[in-house]
């Protein structure tokens, strides 16, 4: 329906160190993803994969949070691999 908000969800695979995101990514959703990424990294996953293919949209601010998260994880000796990142609108 027009004007309907697409809910955000994430699926975390703690065995593989990966996360799949679905729906519309807002800053709040990016904060949830940040917590999940950090938890996987702290549990020993040096490399965490974040698959954004299921996103139907994303706020620029949310994508900025994920970019900062990549830098923060790298500073802690890890790697955040973001797959299928949507382009930011300019």
PDB file of N, CA and C in Angstrom:
ATOM      1  N   UNK A   1       0.828  -1.187   0.000  1.00  0.00           N
ATOM      2  CA  UNK A   1       0.000   0.000   0.000  1.00  0.00           C
ATOM      3  C   UNK A   1       0.871   1.249   0.000  1.00  0.00           C
ATOM      4  N   UNK A   2       0.444   2.291  -0.676  1.00  0.00           N
ATOM      5  CA  UNK A   2       1.212   3.537  -0.667  1.00  0.00           C
ATOM      6  C   UNK A   2       1.324   4.099   0.746  1.00  0.00           C
ATOM      7  N   UNK A   3       2.512   4.604   1.062  1.00  0.00           N
ATOM      8  CA  UNK A   3       2.742   5.195   2.371  1.00  0.00           C
ATOM      9  C   UNK A   3       2.984   4.185   3.481  1.00  0.00           C
ATOM     10  N   UNK A   4       2.931   2.895   3.141  1.00  0.00           N
ATOM     11  CA  UNK A   4       3.152   1.862   4.150  1.00  0.00           C
ATOM     12  C   UNK A   4       4.636   1.773   4.491  1.00  0.00           C
ATOM     13  N   UNK A   5       4.940   1.697   5.761  1.00  0.00           N
ATOM     14  CA  UNK A   5       6.318   1.600   6.204  1.00  0.00           C
ATOM     15  C   UNK A   5       6.779   0.152   6.137  1.00  0.00           C
ATOM     16  N   UNK A   6       7.931  -0.070   5.522  1.00  0.00           N
ATOM     17  CA  UNK A   6       8.512  -1.400   5.443  1.00  0.00           C
ATOM     18  C   UNK A   6       9.323  -1.635   6.700  1.00  0.00           C
ATOM     19  N   UNK A   7       8.986  -2.674   7.431  1.00  0.00           N
ATOM     20  CA  UNK A   7       9.677  -2.968   8.687  1.00  0.00           C
ATOM     21  C   UNK A   7      11.087  -3.472   8.426  1.00  0.00           C
ATOM     22  N   UNK A   8      11.964  -3.186   9.373  1.00  0.00           N
ATOM     23  CA  UNK A   8      13.350  -3.643   9.316  1.00  0.00           C
ATOM     24  C   UNK A   8      13.490  -4.911  10.156  1.00  0.00           C
ATOM     25  N   UNK A   9      14.271  -5.851   9.656  1.00  0.00           N
ATOM     26  CA  UNK A   9      14.602  -7.038  10.448  1.00  0.00           C
ATOM     27  C   UNK A   9      16.021  -7.471  10.098  1.00  0.00           C
ATOM     28  N   UNK A  10      16.599  -8.224  11.018  1.00  0.00           N
ATOM     29  CA  UNK A  10      17.933  -8.764  10.787  1.00  0.00           C
ATOM     30  C   UNK A  10      17.944 -10.228  11.192  1.00  0.00           C
ATOM     31  N   UNK A  11      18.747 -11.006  10.484  1.00  0.00           N
ATOM     32  CA  UNK A  11      18.929 -12.411  10.801  1.00  0.00           C
ATOM     33  C   UNK A  11      20.426 -12.609  11.033  1.00  0.00           C
ATOM     34  N   UNK A  12      20.771 -13.022  12.246  1.00  0.00           N
ATOM     35  CA  UNK A  12      22.174 -13.195  12.622  1.00  0.00           C
ATOM     36  C   UNK A  12      22.516 -14.680  12.610  1.00  0.00           C
ATOM     37  N   UNK A  13      23.580 -15.037  11.911  1.00  0.00           N
ATOM     38  CA  UNK A  13      24.104 -16.402  11.915  1.00  0.00           C
ATOM     39  C   UNK A  13      25.403 -16.376  12.706  1.00  0.00           C
ATOM     40  N   UNK A  14      25.326 -16.736  13.973  1.00  0.00           N
ATOM     41  CA  UNK A  14      26.496 -16.639  14.848  1.00  0.00           C
ATOM     42  C   UNK A  14      27.545 -17.689  14.534  1.00  0.00           C
ATOM     43  N   UNK A  15      27.179 -18.763  13.860  1.00  0.00           N
ATOM     44  CA  UNK A  15      28.177 -19.767  13.473  1.00  0.00           C
ATOM     45  C   UNK A  15      29.050 -19.262  12.336  1.00  0.00           C
ATOM     46  N   UNK A  16      28.431 -18.589  11.385  1.00  0.00           N
ATOM     47  CA  UNK A  16      29.162 -18.106  10.213  1.00  0.00           C
ATOM     48  C   UNK A  16      29.691 -16.691  10.378  1.00  0.00           C
ATOM     49  N   UNK A  17      29.184 -15.972  11.359  1.00  0.00           N
ATOM     50  CA  UNK A  17      29.606 -14.581  11.526  1.00  0.00           C
ATOM     51  C   UNK A  17      29.011 -13.681  10.467  1.00  0.00           C
ATOM     52  N   UNK A  18      27.720 -13.900  10.185  1.00  0.00           N
ATOM     53  CA  UNK A  18      27.081 -13.105   9.147  1.00  0.00           C
ATOM     54  C   UNK A  18      25.716 -12.598   9.613  1.00  0.00           C
ATOM     55  N   UNK A  19      25.294 -11.517   8.956  1.00  0.00           N
ATOM     56  CA  UNK A  19      24.013 -10.885   9.268  1.00  0.00           C
ATOM     57  C   UNK A  19      23.349 -10.534   7.947  1.00  0.00           C
ATOM     58  N   UNK A  20      22.043 -10.835   7.858  1.00  0.00           N
ATOM     59  CA  UNK A  20      21.230 -10.428   6.705  1.00  0.00           C
ATOM     60  C   UNK A  20      20.223  -9.402   7.175  1.00  0.00           C
ATOM     61  N   UNK A  21      20.121  -8.301   6.453  1.00  0.00           N
ATOM     62  CA  UNK A  21      19.177  -7.250   6.801  1.00  0.00           C
ATOM     63  C   UNK A  21      18.073  -7.192   5.752  1.00  0.00           C
ATOM     64  N   UNK A  22      16.854  -6.919   6.221  1.00  0.00           N
ATOM     65  CA  UNK A  22      15.691  -6.844   5.337  1.00  0.00           C
ATOM     66  C   UNK A  22      14.839  -5.638   5.704  1.00  0.00           C
ATOM     67  N   UNK A  23      14.124  -5.105   4.714  1.00  0.00           N
ATOM     68  CA  UNK A  23      13.198  -4.005   4.975  1.00  0.00           C
ATOM     69  C   UNK A  23      13.817  -2.657   4.663  1.00  0.00           C
ATOM     70  N   UNK A  24      13.458  -1.672   5.473  1.00  0.00           N
ATOM     71  CA  UNK A  24      13.971  -0.318   5.303  1.00  0.00           C
ATOM     72  C   UNK A  24      14.913   0.007   6.465  1.00  0.00           C
ATOM     73  N   UNK A  25      16.136   0.394   6.131  1.00  0.00           N
ATOM     74  CA  UNK A  25      17.151   0.669   7.150  1.00  0.00           C
ATOM     75  C   UNK A  25      17.114   2.129   7.587  1.00  0.00           C
ATOM     76  N   UNK A  26      16.854   2.323   8.867  1.00  0.00           N
ATOM     77  CA  UNK A  26      16.882   3.643   9.495  1.00  0.00           C
ATOM     78  C   UNK A  26      18.079   3.692  10.435  1.00  0.00           C
ATOM     79  N   UNK A  27      18.281   4.820  11.083  1.00  0.00           N
ATOM     80  CA  UNK A  27      19.369   4.939  12.053  1.00  0.00           C
ATOM     81  C   UNK A  27      19.175   3.923  13.184  1.00  0.00           C
ATOM     82  N   UNK A  28      17.932   3.717  13.608  1.00  0.00           N
ATOM     83  CA  UNK A  28      17.671   2.751  14.675  1.00  0.00           C
ATOM     84  C   UNK A  28      18.046   1.341  14.231  1.00  0.00           C
ATOM     85  N   UNK A  29      17.730   1.006  12.991  1.00  0.00           N
ATOM     86  CA  UNK A  29      18.111  -0.296  12.456  1.00  0.00           C
ATOM     87  C   UNK A  29      19.620  -0.439  12.348  1.00  0.00           C
ATOM     88  N   UNK A  30      20.287   0.636  11.942  1.00  0.00           N
ATOM     89  CA  UNK A  30      21.744   0.618  11.849  1.00  0.00           C
ATOM     90  C   UNK A  30      22.371   0.420  13.232  1.00  0.00           C
ATOM     91  N   UNK A  31      21.763   1.005  14.256  1.00  0.00           N
ATOM     92  CA  UNK A  31      22.248   0.787  15.624  1.00  0.00           C
ATOM     93  C   UNK A  31      22.108  -0.677  16.023  1.00  0.00           C
ATOM     94  N   UNK A  32      20.986  -1.303  15.639  1.00  0.00           N
ATOM     95  CA  UNK A  32      20.805  -2.740  15.918  1.00  0.00           C
ATOM     96  C   UNK A  32      21.879  -3.562  15.204  1.00  0.00           C
ATOM     97  N   UNK A  33      22.119  -3.226  13.941  1.00  0.00           N
ATOM     98  CA  UNK A  33      23.156  -3.939  13.186  1.00  0.00           C
ATOM     99  C   UNK A  33      24.528  -3.735  13.821  1.00  0.00           C
ATOM    100  N   UNK A  34      24.799  -2.528  14.297  1.00  0.00           N
ATOM    101  CA  UNK A  34      26.083  -2.244  14.947  1.00  0.00           C
ATOM    102  C   UNK A  34      26.284  -3.149  16.153  1.00  0.00           C
ATOM    103  N   UNK A  35      25.243  -3.293  16.961  1.00  0.00           N
ATOM    104  CA  UNK A  35      25.336  -4.165  18.133  1.00  0.00           C
ATOM    105  C   UNK A  35      25.587  -5.606  17.752  1.00  0.00           C
ATOM    106  N   UNK A  36      24.913  -6.070  16.711  1.00  0.00           N
ATOM    107  CA  UNK A  36      25.090  -7.450  16.261  1.00  0.00           C
ATOM    108  C   UNK A  36      26.495  -7.673  15.698  1.00  0.00           C
ATOM    109  N   UNK A  37      26.977  -6.712  14.908  1.00  0.00           N
ATOM    110  CA  UNK A  37      28.330  -6.818  14.342  1.00  0.00           C
ATOM    111  C   UNK A  37      29.369  -6.854  15.458  1.00  0.00           C
ATOM    112  N   UNK A  38      29.247  -5.955  16.410  1.00  0.00           N
ATOM    113  CA  UNK A  38      30.211  -5.907  17.515  1.00  0.00           C
ATOM    114  C   UNK A  38      30.164  -7.190  18.352  1.00  0.00           C
ATOM    115  N   UNK A  39      28.969  -7.728  18.570  1.00  0.00           N
ATOM    116  CA  UNK A  39      28.842  -8.971  19.337  1.00  0.00           C
ATOM    117  C   UNK A  39      29.526 -10.132  18.615  1.00  0.00           C
ATOM    118  N   UNK A  40      29.331 -10.231  17.299  1.00  0.00           N
ATOM    119  CA  UNK A  40      29.993 -11.295  16.540  1.00  0.00           C
ATOM    120  C   UNK A  40      31.512 -11.135  16.584  1.00  0.00           C
ATOM    121  N   UNK A  41      31.964  -9.899  16.430  1.00  0.00           N
ATOM    122  CA  UNK A  41      33.408  -9.643  16.463  1.00  0.00           C
ATOM    123  C   UNK A  41      33.985  -9.987  17.840  1.00  0.00           C
ATOM    124  N   UNK A  42      33.296  -9.617  18.890  1.00  0.00           N
ATOM    125  CA  UNK A  42      33.780  -9.911  20.247  1.00  0.00           C
ATOM    126  C   UNK A  42      33.756 -11.406  20.558  1.00  0.00           C
ATOM    127  N   UNK A  43      32.908 -12.145  19.856  1.00  0.00           N
ATOM    128  CA  UNK A  43      32.841 -13.600  20.053  1.00  0.00           C
ATOM    129  C   UNK A  43      33.864 -14.341  19.210  1.00  0.00           C
ATOM    130  N   UNK A  44      34.760 -13.601  18.562  1.00  0.00           N
ATOM    131  CA  UNK A  44      35.859 -14.247  17.865  1.00  0.00           C
ATOM    132  C   UNK A  44      35.805 -14.236  16.353  1.00  0.00           C
ATOM    133  N   UNK A  45      34.790 -13.645  15.767  1.00  0.00           N
ATOM    134  CA  UNK A  45      34.739 -13.557  14.311  1.00  0.00           C
ATOM    135  C   UNK A  45      35.560 -12.351  13.883  1.00  0.00           C
ATOM    136  N   UNK A  46      36.725 -12.615  13.319  1.00  0.00           N
ATOM    137  CA  UNK A  46      37.584 -11.527  12.862  1.00  0.00           C
ATOM    138  C   UNK A  46      36.933 -10.791  11.694  1.00  0.00           C
ATOM    139  N   UNK A  47      36.237 -11.553  10.858  1.00  0.00           N
ATOM    140  CA  UNK A  47      35.560 -10.975   9.700  1.00  0.00           C
ATOM    141  C   UNK A  47      34.050 -11.234   9.840  1.00  0.00           C
ATOM    142  N   UNK A  48      33.274 -10.177   9.723  1.00  0.00           N
ATOM    143  CA  UNK A  48      31.817 -10.269   9.801  1.00  0.00           C
ATOM    144  C   UNK A  48      31.246  -9.811   8.465  1.00  0.00           C
ATOM    145  N   UNK A  49      30.319 -10.604   7.931  1.00  0.00           N
ATOM    146  CA  UNK A  49      29.665 -10.262   6.664  1.00  0.00           C
ATOM    147  C   UNK A  49      28.282  -9.698   6.951  1.00  0.00           C
ATOM    148  N   UNK A  50      28.004  -8.555   6.373  1.00  0.00           N
ATOM    149  CA  UNK A  50      26.716  -7.888   6.511  1.00  0.00           C
ATOM    150  C   UNK A  50      26.096  -7.789   5.127  1.00  0.00           C
ATOM    151  N   UNK A  51      25.044  -8.569   4.888  1.00  0.00           N
ATOM    152  CA  UNK A  51      24.400  -8.626   3.578  1.00  0.00           C
ATOM    153  C   UNK A  51      23.162  -7.736   3.579  1.00  0.00           C
ATOM    154  N   UNK A  52      23.179  -6.717   2.750  1.00  0.00           N
ATOM    155  CA  UNK A  52      22.095  -5.746   2.685  1.00  0.00           C
ATOM    156  C   UNK A  52      21.198  -5.955   1.463  1.00  0.00           C
ATOM    157  N   UNK A  53      21.310  -7.098   0.818  1.00  0.00           N
ATOM    158  CA  UNK A  53      20.542  -7.351  -0.404  1.00  0.00           C
ATOM    159  C   UNK A  53      19.034  -7.270  -0.166  1.00  0.00           C
ATOM    160  N   UNK A  54      18.580  -7.637   1.019  1.00  0.00           N
ATOM    161  CA  UNK A  54      17.152  -7.634   1.308  1.00  0.00           C
ATOM    162  C   UNK A  54      16.574  -6.274   1.663  1.00  0.00           C
ATOM    163  N   UNK A  55      17.406  -5.242   1.647  1.00  0.00           N
ATOM    164  CA  UNK A  55      16.883  -3.909   1.962  1.00  0.00           C
ATOM    165  C   UNK A  55      16.045  -3.384   0.810  1.00  0.00           C
ATOM    166  N   UNK A  56      14.947  -2.751   1.174  1.00  0.00           N
ATOM    167  CA  UNK A  56      14.093  -2.107   0.178  1.00  0.00           C
ATOM    168  C   UNK A  56      14.320  -0.605   0.169  1.00  0.00           C
ATOM    169  N   UNK A  57      15.163  -0.142   1.066  1.00  0.00           N
ATOM    170  CA  UNK A  57      15.509   1.263   1.142  1.00  0.00           C
ATOM    171  C   UNK A  57      16.376   1.507   2.358  1.00  0.00           C
ATOM    172  N   UNK A  58      17.058   2.632   2.360  1.00  0.00           N
ATOM    173  CA  UNK A  58      17.932   2.982   3.486  1.00  0.00           C
ATOM    174  C   UNK A  58      18.080   4.494   3.560  1.00  0.00           C
ATOM    175  N   UNK A  59      18.049   5.002   4.777  1.00  0.00           N
ATOM    176  CA  UNK A  59      18.307   6.423   5.003  1.00  0.00           C
ATOM    177  C   UNK A  59      19.802   6.688   4.882  1.00  0.00           C
ATOM    178  N   UNK A  60      20.161   7.852   4.342  1.00  0.00           N
ATOM    179  CA  UNK A  60      21.575   8.213   4.233  1.00  0.00           C
ATOM    180  C   UNK A  60      22.264   8.192   5.596  1.00  0.00           C
ATOM    181  N   UNK A  61      21.569   8.644   6.626  1.00  0.00           N
ATOM    182  CA  UNK A  61      22.155   8.655   7.979  1.00  0.00           C
ATOM    183  C   UNK A  61      22.456   7.242   8.448  1.00  0.00           C
ATOM    184  N   UNK A  62      21.601   6.293   8.107  1.00  0.00           N
ATOM    185  CA  UNK A  62      21.827   4.892   8.497  1.00  0.00           C
ATOM    186  C   UNK A  62      23.054   4.331   7.782  1.00  0.00           C
ATOM    187  N   UNK A  63      23.198   4.658   6.515  1.00  0.00           N
ATOM    188  CA  UNK A  63      24.366   4.191   5.765  1.00  0.00           C
ATOM    189  C   UNK A  63      25.647   4.810   6.318  1.00  0.00           C
ATOM    190  N   UNK A  64      25.554   6.036   6.778  1.00  0.00           N
ATOM    191  CA  UNK A  64      26.697   6.693   7.399  1.00  0.00           C
ATOM    192  C   UNK A  64      27.111   5.961   8.678  1.00  0.00           C
ATOM    193  N   UNK A  65      26.126   5.521   9.466  1.00  0.00           N
ATOM    194  CA  UNK A  65      26.418   4.750  10.679  1.00  0.00           C
ATOM    195  C   UNK A  65      27.197   3.489  10.316  1.00  0.00           C
ATOM    196  N   UNK A  66      26.789   2.821   9.240  1.00  0.00           N
ATOM    197  CA  UNK A  66      27.482   1.591   8.832  1.00  0.00           C
ATOM    198  C   UNK A  66      28.901   1.878   8.345  1.00  0.00           C
ATOM    199  N   UNK A  67      29.095   3.012   7.675  1.00  0.00           N
ATOM    200  CA  UNK A  67      30.449   3.375   7.246  1.00  0.00           C
ATOM    201  C   UNK A  67      31.350   3.610   8.457  1.00  0.00           C
ATOM    202  N   UNK A  68      30.833   4.286   9.467  1.00  0.00           N
ATOM    203  CA  UNK A  68      31.605   4.513  10.692  1.00  0.00           C
ATOM    204  C   UNK A  68      31.874   3.193  11.415  1.00  0.00           C
ATOM    205  N   UNK A  69      30.913   2.291  11.345  1.00  0.00           N
ATOM    206  CA  UNK A  69      31.086   0.976  11.970  1.00  0.00           C
ATOM    207  C   UNK A  69      32.228   0.207  11.312  1.00  0.00           C
ATOM    208  N   UNK A  70      32.336   0.288   9.985  1.00  0.00           N
ATOM    209  CA  UNK A  70      33.439  -0.378   9.288  1.00  0.00           C
ATOM    210  C   UNK A  70      34.782   0.120   9.806  1.00  0.00           C
ATOM    211  N   UNK A  71      34.894   1.417   9.986  1.00  0.00           N
ATOM    212  CA  UNK A  71      36.140   2.010  10.479  1.00  0.00           C
ATOM    213  C   UNK A  71      36.412   1.557  11.914  1.00  0.00           C
ATOM    214  N   UNK A  72      35.381   1.548  12.746  1.00  0.00           N
ATOM    215  CA  UNK A  72      35.543   1.157  14.153  1.00  0.00           C
ATOM    216  C   UNK A  72      35.956  -0.307  14.273  1.00  0.00           C
ATOM    217  N   UNK A  73      35.342  -1.177  13.484  1.00  0.00           N
ATOM    218  CA  UNK A  73      35.698  -2.601  13.528  1.00  0.00           C
ATOM    219  C   UNK A  73      37.139  -2.787  13.056  1.00  0.00           C
ATOM    220  N   UNK A  74      37.531  -2.071  12.021  1.00  0.00           N
ATOM    221  CA  UNK A  74      38.912  -2.155  11.528  1.00  0.00           C
ATOM    222  C   UNK A  74      39.901  -1.694  12.596  1.00  0.00           C
ATOM    223  N   UNK A  75      39.545  -0.649  13.340  1.00  0.00           N
ATOM    224  CA  UNK A  75      40.425  -0.145  14.401  1.00  0.00           C
ATOM    225  C   UNK A  75      40.595  -1.170  15.517  1.00  0.00           C
ATOM    226  N   UNK A  76      39.624  -2.083  15.631  1.00  0.00           N
ATOM    227  CA  UNK A  76      39.696  -3.146  16.643  1.00  0.00           C
ATOM    228  C   UNK A  76      40.303  -4.425  16.078  1.00  0.00           C
ATOM    229  N   UNK A  77      40.845  -4.354  14.860  1.00  0.00           N
ATOM    230  CA  UNK A  77      41.515  -5.508  14.260  1.00  0.00           C
ATOM    231  C   UNK A  77      40.607  -6.437  13.476  1.00  0.00           C
ATOM    232  N   UNK A  78      39.391  -6.005  13.200  1.00  0.00           N
ATOM    233  CA  UNK A  78      38.446  -6.840  12.459  1.00  0.00           C
ATOM    234  C   UNK A  78      38.155  -6.284  11.083  1.00  0.00           C
ATOM    235  N   UNK A  79      37.306  -7.011  10.379  1.00  0.00           N
ATOM    236  CA  UNK A  79      36.893  -6.601   9.040  1.00  0.00           C
ATOM    237  C   UNK A  79      35.383  -6.737   8.952  1.00  0.00           C
ATOM    238  N   UNK A  80      34.716  -5.674   8.556  1.00  0.00           N
ATOM    239  CA  UNK A  80      33.288  -5.714   8.282  1.00  0.00           C
ATOM    240  C   UNK A  80      33.118  -5.664   6.773  1.00  0.00           C
ATOM    241  N   UNK A  81      32.632  -6.758   6.211  1.00  0.00           N
ATOM    242  CA  UNK A  81      32.391  -6.835   4.778  1.00  0.00           C
ATOM    243  C   UNK A  81      30.919  -6.541   4.544  1.00  0.00           C
ATOM    244  N   UNK A  82      30.634  -5.439   3.849  1.00  0.00           N
ATOM    245  CA  UNK A  82      29.257  -5.061   3.546  1.00  0.00           C
ATOM    246  C   UNK A  82      28.963  -5.471   2.114  1.00  0.00           C
ATOM    247  N   UNK A  83      27.970  -6.335   1.966  1.00  0.00           N
ATOM    248  CA  UNK A  83      27.583  -6.841   0.654  1.00  0.00           C
ATOM    249  C   UNK A  83      26.283  -6.175   0.204  1.00  0.00           C
ATOM    250  N   UNK A  84      26.200  -5.836  -1.067  1.00  0.00           N
ATOM    251  CA  UNK A  84      24.996  -5.274  -1.680  1.00  0.00           C
ATOM    252  C   UNK A  84      24.540  -3.975  -1.022  1.00  0.00           C
ATOM    253  N   UNK A  85      25.472  -3.111  -0.709  1.00  0.00           N
ATOM    254  CA  UNK A  85      25.127  -1.826  -0.094  1.00  0.00           C
ATOM    255  C   UNK A  85      24.392  -0.947  -1.095  1.00  0.00           C
ATOM    256  N   UNK A  86      23.261  -0.359  -0.680  1.00  0.00           N
ATOM    257  CA  UNK A  86      22.563   0.545  -1.590  1.00  0.00           C
ATOM    258  C   UNK A  86      23.359   1.831  -1.764  1.00  0.00           C
ATOM    259  N   UNK A  87      23.216   2.433  -2.924  1.00  0.00           N
ATOM    260  CA  UNK A  87      23.904   3.704  -3.197  1.00  0.00           C
ATOM    261  C   UNK A  87      23.226   4.819  -2.421  1.00  0.00           C
ATOM    262  N   UNK A  88      24.030   5.752  -1.966  1.00  0.00           N
ATOM    263  CA  UNK A  88      23.458   6.927  -1.293  1.00  0.00           C
ATOM    264  C   UNK A  88      22.986   7.897  -2.365  1.00  0.00           C
ATOM    265  N   UNK A  89      21.937   8.611  -2.032  1.00  0.00           N
ATOM    266  CA  UNK A  89      21.400   9.599  -2.974  1.00  0.00           C
ATOM    267  C   UNK A  89      22.124  10.922  -2.774  1.00  0.00           C
ATOM    268  N   UNK A  90      22.524  11.539  -3.831  1.00  0.00           N
ATOM    269  CA  UNK A  90      23.243  12.823  -3.767  1.00  0.00           C
ATOM    270  C   UNK A  90      22.504  13.834  -4.570  1.00  0.00           C
TER     271      UNK A  90
END
